[in-house]
Amino acid sequence: MTMQPFTVVTGAAVPLLRANVDTDVIIRIERLTALPREQLGPYALEALRYRADGSEDPGCVFNQPAFRGAPVLLAGANFGCGSSREGAVWALMGLGVRCVIAPSYGDIFYNNCFQNGVLPIRLPAEAVQALAAQCASGAPVRVDLASATLSAPDGATVAFPVDRLRREALLHGLDDIGLTLKDDALIRAWQQADRTRRPWAWTVRRQDAA
């Protein structure tokens, strides 16, 4: 599957530093059963963004003008924990999020980010908090995946770790299957050579029905 490539993302970083925000908070399960993925954005984090009557909560940071459509999310520890739910990533993307920065993640959510074109960055809690303080008024951050660096509003550059293959996949907009198919010619050449070396391994045997 092809995705929107991730090269450089620049913009506001919305701070949601509470720990253990699970996938049910990110998107409720009933939204996933009733809506296609491209319509999930308005319902992302709805328990935080809306009042009981459905109106926006002006006290929620996501509803502040400086952070509407922010492409970067600063999160607390264990972000995206809870049930396996790929729709959690889809919902955040519907809000405009392309990069999440947190001290730690739920494992499945972390993997789902890479499969859908979102970059999850792990940084120490102190670094995330310091970045949130700098971005409190909406000052932009710059995330450069090619160099695996993040530029803070004060000009400081922070390197972040990212798996080499996952970095390549995001840069080219590819999921795991797409990344494998980049080597389609090599795979076919190996198959042909192996057919020559071991023809018996490639023989398809058909059994007559009894």
N, C-alpha and C. Protein backbone atom coordinates (compact mmCIF):
# COMPACT_ATOMS: atom_id res chain seq x y z
N MET A 1 0.84 -1.19 0.00
CA MET A 1 0.00 0.00 0.00
C MET A 1 0.88 1.24 0.00
N THR A 2 0.51 2.25 -0.79
CA THR A 2 1.24 3.51 -0.79
C THR A 2 0.57 4.47 0.18
N MET A 3 1.38 5.33 0.77
CA MET A 3 0.90 6.32 1.72
C MET A 3 1.52 7.66 1.35
N GLN A 4 1.05 8.72 1.99
CA GLN A 4 1.68 10.01 1.80
C GLN A 4 3.08 9.95 2.37
N PRO A 5 4.10 10.21 1.57
CA PRO A 5 5.47 10.16 2.10
C PRO A 5 5.67 11.17 3.22
N PHE A 6 6.54 10.83 4.14
CA PHE A 6 6.91 11.73 5.23
C PHE A 6 8.36 12.15 5.01
N THR A 7 8.57 13.41 4.72
CA THR A 7 9.93 13.92 4.54
C THR A 7 10.23 14.96 5.61
N VAL A 8 9.64 16.15 5.46
CA VAL A 8 9.77 17.21 6.46
C VAL A 8 8.38 17.70 6.83
N VAL A 9 8.11 17.80 8.11
CA VAL A 9 6.84 18.35 8.59
C VAL A 9 7.15 19.52 9.53
N THR A 10 6.54 20.64 9.26
CA THR A 10 6.75 21.84 10.08
C THR A 10 5.40 22.39 10.50
N GLY A 11 5.27 22.72 11.77
CA GLY A 11 4.02 23.31 12.24
C GLY A 11 3.91 23.28 13.74
N ALA A 12 2.75 23.69 14.21
CA ALA A 12 2.50 23.74 15.65
C ALA A 12 2.52 22.33 16.25
N ALA A 13 2.85 22.26 17.52
CA ALA A 13 2.89 20.99 18.25
C ALA A 13 1.92 21.09 19.42
N VAL A 14 0.81 20.39 19.33
CA VAL A 14 -0.22 20.48 20.35
C VAL A 14 0.15 19.61 21.55
N PRO A 15 0.15 20.17 22.77
CA PRO A 15 0.57 19.40 23.95
C PRO A 15 -0.60 18.65 24.60
N LEU A 16 -0.47 17.34 24.69
CA LEU A 16 -1.42 16.49 25.41
C LEU A 16 -0.57 15.56 26.27
N LEU A 17 -0.08 16.08 27.37
CA LEU A 17 0.97 15.39 28.12
C LEU A 17 0.46 14.42 29.18
N ARG A 18 -0.82 14.14 29.19
CA ARG A 18 -1.33 13.17 30.15
C ARG A 18 -0.87 11.76 29.77
N ALA A 19 -0.59 10.95 30.76
CA ALA A 19 -0.12 9.58 30.52
C ALA A 19 -1.29 8.64 30.25
N ASN A 20 -0.97 7.54 29.57
CA ASN A 20 -1.91 6.43 29.38
C ASN A 20 -3.18 6.81 28.62
N VAL A 21 -3.05 7.66 27.62
CA VAL A 21 -4.20 7.94 26.74
C VAL A 21 -4.37 6.73 25.84
N ASP A 22 -5.48 6.00 26.02
CA ASP A 22 -5.62 4.75 25.29
C ASP A 22 -6.38 4.94 23.98
N THR A 23 -6.44 3.87 23.19
CA THR A 23 -7.03 3.97 21.86
C THR A 23 -8.53 4.22 21.91
N ASP A 24 -9.19 3.84 23.02
CA ASP A 24 -10.62 4.12 23.14
C ASP A 24 -10.88 5.60 23.36
N VAL A 25 -9.93 6.29 23.99
CA VAL A 25 -10.04 7.74 24.13
C VAL A 25 -9.75 8.40 22.79
N ILE A 26 -8.79 7.87 22.07
CA ILE A 26 -8.43 8.46 20.77
C ILE A 26 -9.59 8.34 19.79
N ILE A 27 -10.24 7.17 19.72
CA ILE A 27 -11.42 7.00 18.87
C ILE A 27 -12.30 5.91 19.46
N ARG A 28 -13.55 6.22 19.69
CA ARG A 28 -14.47 5.25 20.27
C ARG A 28 -14.81 4.16 19.25
N ILE A 29 -15.02 2.95 19.75
CA ILE A 29 -15.23 1.82 18.87
C ILE A 29 -16.46 1.96 18.00
N GLU A 30 -17.52 2.59 18.51
CA GLU A 30 -18.74 2.72 17.71
C GLU A 30 -18.53 3.62 16.50
N ARG A 31 -17.57 4.54 16.59
CA ARG A 31 -17.26 5.39 15.42
C ARG A 31 -16.63 4.55 14.31
N LEU A 32 -15.82 3.58 14.70
CA LEU A 32 -15.15 2.75 13.71
C LEU A 32 -16.12 1.82 12.99
N THR A 33 -17.19 1.43 13.66
CA THR A 33 -18.15 0.53 13.04
C THR A 33 -19.13 1.26 12.13
N ALA A 34 -19.22 2.59 12.29
CA ALA A 34 -20.23 3.33 11.55
C ALA A 34 -19.66 4.26 10.48
N LEU A 35 -18.36 4.54 10.54
CA LEU A 35 -17.79 5.57 9.66
C LEU A 35 -16.58 5.05 8.89
N PRO A 36 -16.39 5.48 7.64
CA PRO A 36 -15.15 5.15 6.93
C PRO A 36 -13.99 5.95 7.50
N ARG A 37 -12.77 5.50 7.24
CA ARG A 37 -11.60 6.10 7.88
C ARG A 37 -11.45 7.60 7.59
N GLU A 38 -11.86 8.04 6.40
CA GLU A 38 -11.67 9.45 6.05
C GLU A 38 -12.64 10.37 6.80
N GLN A 39 -13.59 9.82 7.53
CA GLN A 39 -14.55 10.64 8.28
C GLN A 39 -14.33 10.58 9.79
N LEU A 40 -13.22 10.01 10.23
CA LEU A 40 -13.00 9.83 11.67
C LEU A 40 -12.42 11.06 12.37
N GLY A 41 -11.80 11.96 11.62
CA GLY A 41 -11.14 13.11 12.23
C GLY A 41 -11.99 13.90 13.21
N PRO A 42 -13.24 14.25 12.87
CA PRO A 42 -14.05 15.04 13.81
C PRO A 42 -14.32 14.34 15.14
N TYR A 43 -14.14 13.01 15.16
CA TYR A 43 -14.44 12.25 16.37
C TYR A 43 -13.19 11.84 17.14
N ALA A 44 -12.02 12.24 16.66
CA ALA A 44 -10.78 11.94 17.37
C ALA A 44 -10.77 12.66 18.71
N LEU A 45 -10.46 11.93 19.77
CA LEU A 45 -10.35 12.50 21.12
C LEU A 45 -11.60 13.28 21.51
N GLU A 46 -12.76 12.80 21.07
CA GLU A 46 -13.99 13.57 21.28
C GLU A 46 -14.33 13.76 22.76
N ALA A 47 -13.96 12.82 23.62
CA ALA A 47 -14.25 12.97 25.04
C ALA A 47 -13.51 14.16 25.64
N LEU A 48 -12.40 14.53 25.02
CA LEU A 48 -11.62 15.68 25.49
C LEU A 48 -12.02 16.96 24.78
N ARG A 49 -12.42 16.86 23.54
CA ARG A 49 -12.64 18.05 22.71
C ARG A 49 -14.05 18.63 22.83
N TYR A 50 -15.01 17.79 23.24
CA TYR A 50 -16.40 18.24 23.24
C TYR A 50 -17.05 18.13 24.61
N ARG A 51 -18.02 19.00 24.85
CA ARG A 51 -18.85 18.93 26.04
C ARG A 51 -19.94 17.88 25.84
N ALA A 52 -20.69 17.63 26.91
CA ALA A 52 -21.76 16.62 26.85
C ALA A 52 -22.83 16.98 25.83
N ASP A 53 -23.04 18.29 25.58
CA ASP A 53 -24.07 18.70 24.62
C ASP A 53 -23.57 18.71 23.18
N GLY A 54 -22.30 18.29 22.98
CA GLY A 54 -21.75 18.23 21.63
C GLY A 54 -21.01 19.48 21.19
N SER A 55 -21.04 20.52 22.01
CA SER A 55 -20.31 21.75 21.65
C SER A 55 -18.84 21.60 22.01
N GLU A 56 -18.01 22.39 21.35
CA GLU A 56 -16.58 22.34 21.64
C GLU A 56 -16.29 22.86 23.04
N ASP A 57 -15.36 22.20 23.71
CA ASP A 57 -14.90 22.66 25.02
C ASP A 57 -13.77 23.66 24.79
N PRO A 58 -13.98 24.94 25.08
CA PRO A 58 -12.94 25.95 24.83
C PRO A 58 -11.69 25.74 25.68
N GLY A 59 -11.82 24.94 26.76
CA GLY A 59 -10.66 24.68 27.60
C GLY A 59 -9.75 23.60 27.06
N CYS A 60 -10.18 22.89 26.02
CA CYS A 60 -9.36 21.83 25.44
C CYS A 60 -8.33 22.44 24.49
N VAL A 61 -7.10 22.03 24.65
CA VAL A 61 -6.02 22.62 23.86
C VAL A 61 -6.22 22.42 22.36
N PHE A 62 -6.87 21.34 21.96
CA PHE A 62 -7.09 21.10 20.54
C PHE A 62 -8.03 22.14 19.91
N ASN A 63 -8.83 22.80 20.74
CA ASN A 63 -9.78 23.78 20.22
C ASN A 63 -9.23 25.20 20.23
N GLN A 64 -8.02 25.37 20.69
CA GLN A 64 -7.41 26.69 20.67
C GLN A 64 -6.92 27.01 19.26
N PRO A 65 -7.14 28.24 18.81
CA PRO A 65 -6.78 28.59 17.42
C PRO A 65 -5.36 28.24 17.03
N ALA A 66 -4.42 28.38 17.96
CA ALA A 66 -3.01 28.13 17.63
C ALA A 66 -2.75 26.66 17.31
N PHE A 67 -3.64 25.75 17.75
CA PHE A 67 -3.36 24.33 17.60
C PHE A 67 -4.34 23.59 16.69
N ARG A 68 -5.26 24.29 16.09
CA ARG A 68 -6.17 23.63 15.15
C ARG A 68 -5.38 23.13 13.94
N GLY A 69 -5.52 21.87 13.65
CA GLY A 69 -4.81 21.31 12.50
C GLY A 69 -3.33 21.12 12.73
N ALA A 70 -2.88 21.17 13.98
CA ALA A 70 -1.45 21.02 14.26
C ALA A 70 -0.94 19.68 13.75
N PRO A 71 0.17 19.65 13.02
CA PRO A 71 0.68 18.40 12.46
C PRO A 71 1.49 17.56 13.44
N VAL A 72 1.83 18.14 14.61
CA VAL A 72 2.65 17.44 15.59
C VAL A 72 1.87 17.35 16.90
N LEU A 73 1.89 16.18 17.51
CA LEU A 73 1.24 15.96 18.80
C LEU A 73 2.30 15.59 19.83
N LEU A 74 2.36 16.35 20.92
CA LEU A 74 3.24 16.04 22.05
C LEU A 74 2.41 15.29 23.08
N ALA A 75 2.79 14.07 23.39
CA ALA A 75 1.96 13.21 24.23
C ALA A 75 2.71 12.74 25.46
N GLY A 76 1.95 12.18 26.41
CA GLY A 76 2.53 11.63 27.61
C GLY A 76 2.93 10.19 27.44
N ALA A 77 3.43 9.60 28.51
CA ALA A 77 3.93 8.22 28.46
C ALA A 77 2.81 7.24 28.14
N ASN A 78 3.19 6.17 27.45
CA ASN A 78 2.30 5.06 27.13
C ASN A 78 1.13 5.51 26.25
N PHE A 79 1.39 6.43 25.35
CA PHE A 79 0.34 6.94 24.47
C PHE A 79 -0.11 5.84 23.51
N GLY A 80 -1.43 5.74 23.30
CA GLY A 80 -1.96 4.74 22.38
C GLY A 80 -2.01 3.34 22.97
N CYS A 81 -2.05 3.24 24.29
CA CYS A 81 -2.14 1.92 24.92
C CYS A 81 -3.57 1.40 24.77
N GLY A 82 -3.82 0.21 25.29
CA GLY A 82 -5.17 -0.33 25.22
C GLY A 82 -5.36 -1.27 24.05
N SER A 83 -6.58 -1.35 23.57
CA SER A 83 -6.94 -2.34 22.55
C SER A 83 -6.28 -2.03 21.22
N SER A 84 -6.10 -3.09 20.43
CA SER A 84 -5.56 -2.95 19.09
C SER A 84 -6.59 -2.24 18.22
N ARG A 85 -6.22 -1.09 17.67
CA ARG A 85 -7.20 -0.29 16.94
C ARG A 85 -6.47 0.61 15.95
N GLU A 86 -6.34 0.14 14.70
CA GLU A 86 -5.67 0.94 13.68
C GLU A 86 -6.40 2.25 13.44
N GLY A 87 -7.70 2.24 13.68
CA GLY A 87 -8.48 3.46 13.50
C GLY A 87 -8.04 4.60 14.38
N ALA A 88 -7.33 4.31 15.47
CA ALA A 88 -6.81 5.39 16.32
C ALA A 88 -5.83 6.26 15.53
N VAL A 89 -5.01 5.62 14.72
CA VAL A 89 -4.07 6.38 13.89
C VAL A 89 -4.83 7.13 12.80
N TRP A 90 -5.82 6.48 12.19
CA TRP A 90 -6.62 7.14 11.16
C TRP A 90 -7.30 8.40 11.71
N ALA A 91 -7.83 8.29 12.93
CA ALA A 91 -8.53 9.43 13.53
C ALA A 91 -7.57 10.60 13.77
N LEU A 92 -6.38 10.32 14.28
CA LEU A 92 -5.41 11.39 14.49
C LEU A 92 -5.00 12.02 13.16
N MET A 93 -4.86 11.21 12.15
CA MET A 93 -4.54 11.75 10.83
C MET A 93 -5.65 12.67 10.33
N GLY A 94 -6.90 12.31 10.67
CA GLY A 94 -8.02 13.16 10.29
C GLY A 94 -7.99 14.51 10.96
N LEU A 95 -7.31 14.61 12.10
CA LEU A 95 -7.11 15.89 12.78
C LEU A 95 -5.95 16.68 12.17
N GLY A 96 -5.17 16.02 11.32
CA GLY A 96 -4.01 16.66 10.71
C GLY A 96 -2.68 16.22 11.28
N VAL A 97 -2.69 15.28 12.24
CA VAL A 97 -1.44 14.85 12.89
C VAL A 97 -0.63 13.96 11.96
N ARG A 98 0.65 14.28 11.78
CA ARG A 98 1.57 13.46 11.00
C ARG A 98 2.72 12.93 11.85
N CYS A 99 2.90 13.49 13.04
CA CYS A 99 4.01 13.09 13.91
C CYS A 99 3.55 13.15 15.36
N VAL A 100 3.86 12.10 16.12
CA VAL A 100 3.59 12.08 17.55
C VAL A 100 4.92 11.96 18.28
N ILE A 101 5.10 12.76 19.32
CA ILE A 101 6.33 12.72 20.11
C ILE A 101 5.94 12.41 21.55
N ALA A 102 6.46 11.31 22.07
CA ALA A 102 6.10 10.86 23.41
C ALA A 102 7.24 10.06 24.02
N PRO A 103 7.25 9.91 25.34
CA PRO A 103 8.30 9.08 25.97
C PRO A 103 8.14 7.60 25.64
N SER A 104 6.90 7.13 25.49
CA SER A 104 6.66 5.72 25.19
C SER A 104 5.26 5.56 24.61
N TYR A 105 5.02 4.38 24.00
CA TYR A 105 3.77 4.11 23.29
C TYR A 105 3.26 2.72 23.59
N GLY A 106 1.97 2.53 23.35
CA GLY A 106 1.46 1.18 23.25
C GLY A 106 2.08 0.54 22.02
N ASP A 107 2.54 -0.70 22.14
CA ASP A 107 3.31 -1.32 21.05
C ASP A 107 2.54 -1.38 19.74
N ILE A 108 1.27 -1.78 19.79
CA ILE A 108 0.51 -1.94 18.55
C ILE A 108 0.24 -0.58 17.91
N PHE A 109 -0.09 0.41 18.72
CA PHE A 109 -0.29 1.75 18.19
C PHE A 109 0.99 2.25 17.51
N TYR A 110 2.12 2.03 18.15
CA TYR A 110 3.41 2.47 17.60
C TYR A 110 3.64 1.86 16.22
N ASN A 111 3.39 0.56 16.09
CA ASN A 111 3.57 -0.09 14.80
C ASN A 111 2.55 0.40 13.77
N ASN A 112 1.32 0.63 14.20
CA ASN A 112 0.29 1.11 13.27
C ASN A 112 0.62 2.49 12.72
N CYS A 113 1.30 3.30 13.50
CA CYS A 113 1.70 4.62 12.99
C CYS A 113 2.55 4.48 11.74
N PHE A 114 3.56 3.64 11.79
CA PHE A 114 4.44 3.46 10.64
C PHE A 114 3.69 2.90 9.44
N GLN A 115 2.70 2.06 9.68
CA GLN A 115 1.95 1.44 8.59
C GLN A 115 0.99 2.41 7.90
N ASN A 116 0.81 3.59 8.49
CA ASN A 116 -0.16 4.54 7.95
C ASN A 116 0.42 5.92 7.67
N GLY A 117 1.74 6.05 7.71
CA GLY A 117 2.37 7.30 7.33
C GLY A 117 2.52 8.33 8.44
N VAL A 118 2.38 7.89 9.69
CA VAL A 118 2.59 8.78 10.84
C VAL A 118 3.91 8.41 11.51
N LEU A 119 4.70 9.41 11.84
CA LEU A 119 6.00 9.16 12.47
C LEU A 119 5.87 9.26 13.99
N PRO A 120 6.06 8.16 14.74
CA PRO A 120 6.08 8.22 16.19
C PRO A 120 7.53 8.35 16.68
N ILE A 121 7.81 9.41 17.42
CA ILE A 121 9.15 9.66 17.91
C ILE A 121 9.17 9.42 19.42
N ARG A 122 10.19 8.70 19.88
CA ARG A 122 10.39 8.52 21.32
C ARG A 122 11.48 9.49 21.80
N LEU A 123 11.12 10.31 22.79
CA LEU A 123 12.08 11.19 23.44
C LEU A 123 11.86 11.10 24.95
N PRO A 124 12.89 11.37 25.76
CA PRO A 124 12.70 11.36 27.21
C PRO A 124 11.60 12.34 27.63
N ALA A 125 10.93 12.02 28.73
CA ALA A 125 9.82 12.85 29.20
C ALA A 125 10.25 14.30 29.41
N GLU A 126 11.47 14.49 29.93
CA GLU A 126 11.92 15.86 30.18
C GLU A 126 12.04 16.64 28.87
N ALA A 127 12.49 15.96 27.81
CA ALA A 127 12.64 16.61 26.51
C ALA A 127 11.28 16.97 25.92
N VAL A 128 10.29 16.09 26.09
CA VAL A 128 8.95 16.37 25.58
C VAL A 128 8.35 17.55 26.34
N GLN A 129 8.54 17.59 27.65
CA GLN A 129 8.01 18.68 28.46
C GLN A 129 8.67 20.01 28.09
N ALA A 130 9.98 19.98 27.88
CA ALA A 130 10.68 21.21 27.49
C ALA A 130 10.20 21.71 26.14
N LEU A 131 9.96 20.78 25.23
CA LEU A 131 9.46 21.15 23.91
C LEU A 131 8.06 21.75 24.01
N ALA A 132 7.23 21.15 24.87
CA ALA A 132 5.87 21.66 25.05
C ALA A 132 5.89 23.09 25.59
N ALA A 133 6.82 23.38 26.49
CA ALA A 133 6.93 24.73 27.05
C ALA A 133 7.28 25.74 25.96
N GLN A 134 8.16 25.36 25.06
CA GLN A 134 8.54 26.25 23.96
C GLN A 134 7.41 26.44 22.96
N CYS A 135 6.57 25.42 22.82
CA CYS A 135 5.52 25.45 21.79
C CYS A 135 4.18 25.91 22.35
N ALA A 136 4.15 26.37 23.59
CA ALA A 136 2.89 26.69 24.27
C ALA A 136 2.06 27.74 23.55
N SER A 137 2.70 28.63 22.81
CA SER A 137 1.97 29.70 22.10
C SER A 137 1.72 29.36 20.64
N GLY A 138 2.09 28.14 20.23
CA GLY A 138 1.90 27.74 18.84
C GLY A 138 3.13 27.86 17.99
N ALA A 139 4.28 28.17 18.60
CA ALA A 139 5.53 28.25 17.84
C ALA A 139 5.80 26.91 17.15
N PRO A 140 6.25 26.95 15.90
CA PRO A 140 6.38 25.70 15.14
C PRO A 140 7.64 24.91 15.46
N VAL A 141 7.53 23.61 15.25
CA VAL A 141 8.68 22.71 15.28
C VAL A 141 8.87 22.16 13.87
N ARG A 142 10.07 21.69 13.61
CA ARG A 142 10.37 21.13 12.29
C ARG A 142 10.92 19.72 12.48
N VAL A 143 10.27 18.75 11.86
CA VAL A 143 10.69 17.36 11.96
C VAL A 143 11.21 16.92 10.59
N ASP A 144 12.47 16.54 10.54
CA ASP A 144 13.13 16.14 9.29
C ASP A 144 13.48 14.66 9.40
N LEU A 145 12.74 13.83 8.69
CA LEU A 145 12.96 12.39 8.80
C LEU A 145 14.24 11.97 8.09
N ALA A 146 14.60 12.64 7.00
CA ALA A 146 15.81 12.26 6.26
C ALA A 146 17.04 12.34 7.16
N SER A 147 17.11 13.37 7.99
CA SER A 147 18.25 13.52 8.90
C SER A 147 17.94 13.01 10.30
N ALA A 148 16.70 12.58 10.52
CA ALA A 148 16.24 12.10 11.83
C ALA A 148 16.54 13.13 12.92
N THR A 149 16.14 14.38 12.65
CA THR A 149 16.34 15.46 13.61
C THR A 149 15.07 16.27 13.76
N LEU A 150 14.95 16.88 14.91
CA LEU A 150 13.82 17.74 15.24
C LEU A 150 14.38 19.10 15.63
N SER A 151 13.84 20.17 15.04
CA SER A 151 14.29 21.52 15.36
C SER A 151 13.25 22.21 16.22
N ALA A 152 13.64 22.62 17.42
CA ALA A 152 12.74 23.28 18.36
C ALA A 152 12.60 24.76 18.02
N PRO A 153 11.60 25.45 18.56
CA PRO A 153 11.43 26.88 18.27
C PRO A 153 12.65 27.72 18.63
N ASP A 154 13.44 27.30 19.63
CA ASP A 154 14.61 28.10 20.00
C ASP A 154 15.81 27.83 19.10
N GLY A 155 15.63 26.97 18.09
CA GLY A 155 16.71 26.68 17.16
C GLY A 155 17.53 25.46 17.50
N ALA A 156 17.32 24.90 18.67
CA ALA A 156 18.07 23.70 19.06
C ALA A 156 17.63 22.52 18.20
N THR A 157 18.58 21.65 17.87
CA THR A 157 18.30 20.47 17.07
C THR A 157 18.48 19.22 17.92
N VAL A 158 17.49 18.35 17.88
CA VAL A 158 17.51 17.12 18.65
C VAL A 158 17.44 15.93 17.70
N ALA A 159 18.37 15.00 17.85
CA ALA A 159 18.33 13.78 17.04
C ALA A 159 17.40 12.78 17.70
N PHE A 160 16.68 12.03 16.89
CA PHE A 160 15.80 11.01 17.44
C PHE A 160 16.07 9.67 16.76
N PRO A 161 15.90 8.57 17.49
CA PRO A 161 16.15 7.25 16.91
C PRO A 161 14.96 6.79 16.06
N VAL A 162 15.25 6.13 14.95
CA VAL A 162 14.21 5.54 14.11
C VAL A 162 14.82 4.36 13.36
N ASP A 163 14.11 3.27 13.32
CA ASP A 163 14.57 2.08 12.61
C ASP A 163 14.84 2.41 11.14
N ARG A 164 15.94 1.89 10.61
CA ARG A 164 16.36 2.23 9.24
C ARG A 164 15.31 1.86 8.20
N LEU A 165 14.76 0.65 8.29
CA LEU A 165 13.77 0.22 7.30
C LEU A 165 12.47 1.00 7.43
N ARG A 166 12.08 1.28 8.65
CA ARG A 166 10.86 2.05 8.83
C ARG A 166 11.04 3.49 8.35
N ARG A 167 12.22 4.02 8.55
CA ARG A 167 12.53 5.36 8.04
C ARG A 167 12.43 5.39 6.52
N GLU A 168 13.01 4.38 5.87
CA GLU A 168 12.96 4.31 4.41
C GLU A 168 11.52 4.18 3.92
N ALA A 169 10.73 3.36 4.60
CA ALA A 169 9.34 3.17 4.20
C ALA A 169 8.55 4.47 4.28
N LEU A 170 8.72 5.22 5.37
CA LEU A 170 8.01 6.48 5.51
C LEU A 170 8.46 7.51 4.47
N LEU A 171 9.75 7.56 4.23
CA LEU A 171 10.26 8.52 3.24
C LEU A 171 9.69 8.28 1.85
N HIS A 172 9.41 7.00 1.54
CA HIS A 172 8.89 6.65 0.22
C HIS A 172 7.38 6.41 0.22
N GLY A 173 6.74 6.54 1.38
CA GLY A 173 5.30 6.33 1.44
C GLY A 173 4.90 4.89 1.25
N LEU A 174 5.62 3.96 1.87
CA LEU A 174 5.37 2.54 1.67
C LEU A 174 5.09 1.84 2.99
N ASP A 175 4.15 0.88 2.98
CA ASP A 175 4.00 0.02 4.13
C ASP A 175 4.94 -1.17 3.97
N ASP A 176 4.83 -2.18 4.83
CA ASP A 176 5.76 -3.32 4.78
C ASP A 176 5.72 -4.05 3.45
N ILE A 177 4.52 -4.23 2.91
CA ILE A 177 4.40 -4.93 1.62
C ILE A 177 5.03 -4.09 0.51
N GLY A 178 4.72 -2.80 0.52
CA GLY A 178 5.29 -1.93 -0.50
C GLY A 178 6.80 -1.87 -0.44
N LEU A 179 7.33 -1.88 0.79
CA LEU A 179 8.79 -1.86 0.95
C LEU A 179 9.41 -3.13 0.39
N THR A 180 8.77 -4.26 0.62
CA THR A 180 9.26 -5.53 0.08
C THR A 180 9.22 -5.53 -1.45
N LEU A 181 8.14 -4.98 -2.01
CA LEU A 181 7.98 -4.99 -3.47
C LEU A 181 8.97 -4.07 -4.18
N LYS A 182 9.63 -3.18 -3.43
CA LYS A 182 10.70 -2.39 -4.06
C LYS A 182 11.79 -3.29 -4.60
N ASP A 183 11.94 -4.49 -4.00
CA ASP A 183 12.95 -5.44 -4.43
C ASP A 183 12.36 -6.55 -5.30
N ASP A 184 11.27 -6.24 -5.99
CA ASP A 184 10.58 -7.25 -6.78
C ASP A 184 11.51 -7.91 -7.80
N ALA A 185 12.35 -7.11 -8.48
CA ALA A 185 13.25 -7.68 -9.48
C ALA A 185 14.24 -8.65 -8.85
N LEU A 186 14.77 -8.29 -7.68
CA LEU A 186 15.71 -9.18 -6.99
C LEU A 186 15.03 -10.47 -6.53
N ILE A 187 13.80 -10.32 -6.06
CA ILE A 187 13.05 -11.50 -5.61
C ILE A 187 12.81 -12.46 -6.77
N ARG A 188 12.40 -11.91 -7.91
CA ARG A 188 12.13 -12.75 -9.09
C ARG A 188 13.41 -13.42 -9.60
N ALA A 189 14.52 -12.68 -9.55
CA ALA A 189 15.79 -13.25 -10.00
C ALA A 189 16.20 -14.40 -9.09
N TRP A 190 16.01 -14.23 -7.78
CA TRP A 190 16.35 -15.31 -6.85
C TRP A 190 15.46 -16.52 -7.08
N GLN A 191 14.18 -16.28 -7.31
CA GLN A 191 13.26 -17.39 -7.55
C GLN A 191 13.66 -18.19 -8.79
N GLN A 192 14.03 -17.45 -9.85
CA GLN A 192 14.41 -18.14 -11.08
C GLN A 192 15.69 -18.95 -10.89
N ALA A 193 16.66 -18.36 -10.17
CA ALA A 193 17.90 -19.09 -9.91
C ALA A 193 17.64 -20.31 -9.05
N ASP A 194 16.75 -20.18 -8.07
CA ASP A 194 16.46 -21.31 -7.19
C ASP A 194 15.71 -22.41 -7.93
N ARG A 195 14.89 -22.03 -8.90
CA ARG A 195 14.20 -23.04 -9.71
C ARG A 195 15.23 -23.88 -10.48
N THR A 196 16.31 -23.21 -10.92
CA THR A 196 17.35 -23.93 -11.66
C THR A 196 18.14 -24.84 -10.72
N ARG A 197 18.46 -24.35 -9.53
CA ARG A 197 19.24 -25.13 -8.58
C ARG A 197 18.42 -26.28 -7.99
N ARG A 198 17.16 -26.00 -7.68
CA ARG A 198 16.34 -26.99 -6.97
C ARG A 198 14.97 -27.12 -7.63
N PRO A 199 14.93 -27.65 -8.83
CA PRO A 199 13.64 -27.73 -9.53
C PRO A 199 12.60 -28.55 -8.77
N TRP A 200 13.08 -29.53 -7.99
CA TRP A 200 12.15 -30.37 -7.23
C TRP A 200 11.36 -29.57 -6.19
N ALA A 201 11.96 -28.47 -5.69
CA ALA A 201 11.29 -27.68 -4.66
C ALA A 201 10.15 -26.83 -5.23
N TRP A 202 10.14 -26.65 -6.56
CA TRP A 202 9.15 -25.80 -7.21
C TRP A 202 8.10 -26.61 -7.96
N THR A 203 8.17 -27.92 -7.85
CA THR A 203 7.20 -28.77 -8.54
C THR A 203 5.87 -28.76 -7.80
N VAL A 204 4.83 -28.43 -8.52
CA VAL A 204 3.50 -28.43 -7.92
C VAL A 204 2.85 -29.77 -8.22
N ARG A 205 2.52 -30.51 -7.20
CA ARG A 205 1.92 -31.82 -7.37
C ARG A 205 0.41 -31.71 -7.20
N ARG A 206 -0.31 -32.29 -8.14
CA ARG A 206 -1.74 -32.26 -8.09
C ARG A 206 -2.24 -33.67 -7.80
N GLN A 207 -3.10 -33.76 -6.85
CA GLN A 207 -3.66 -35.06 -6.49
C GLN A 207 -5.08 -35.16 -7.03
N ASP A 208 -5.33 -36.29 -7.66
CA ASP A 208 -6.69 -36.50 -8.18
C ASP A 208 -7.65 -36.68 -7.03
N ALA A 209 -8.82 -36.14 -7.22
CA ALA A 209 -9.84 -36.30 -6.18
C ALA A 209 -10.21 -37.76 -6.05
N ALA A 210 -10.43 -38.21 -4.86
CA ALA A 210 -10.78 -39.61 -4.62
C ALA A 210 -12.15 -39.93 -5.17
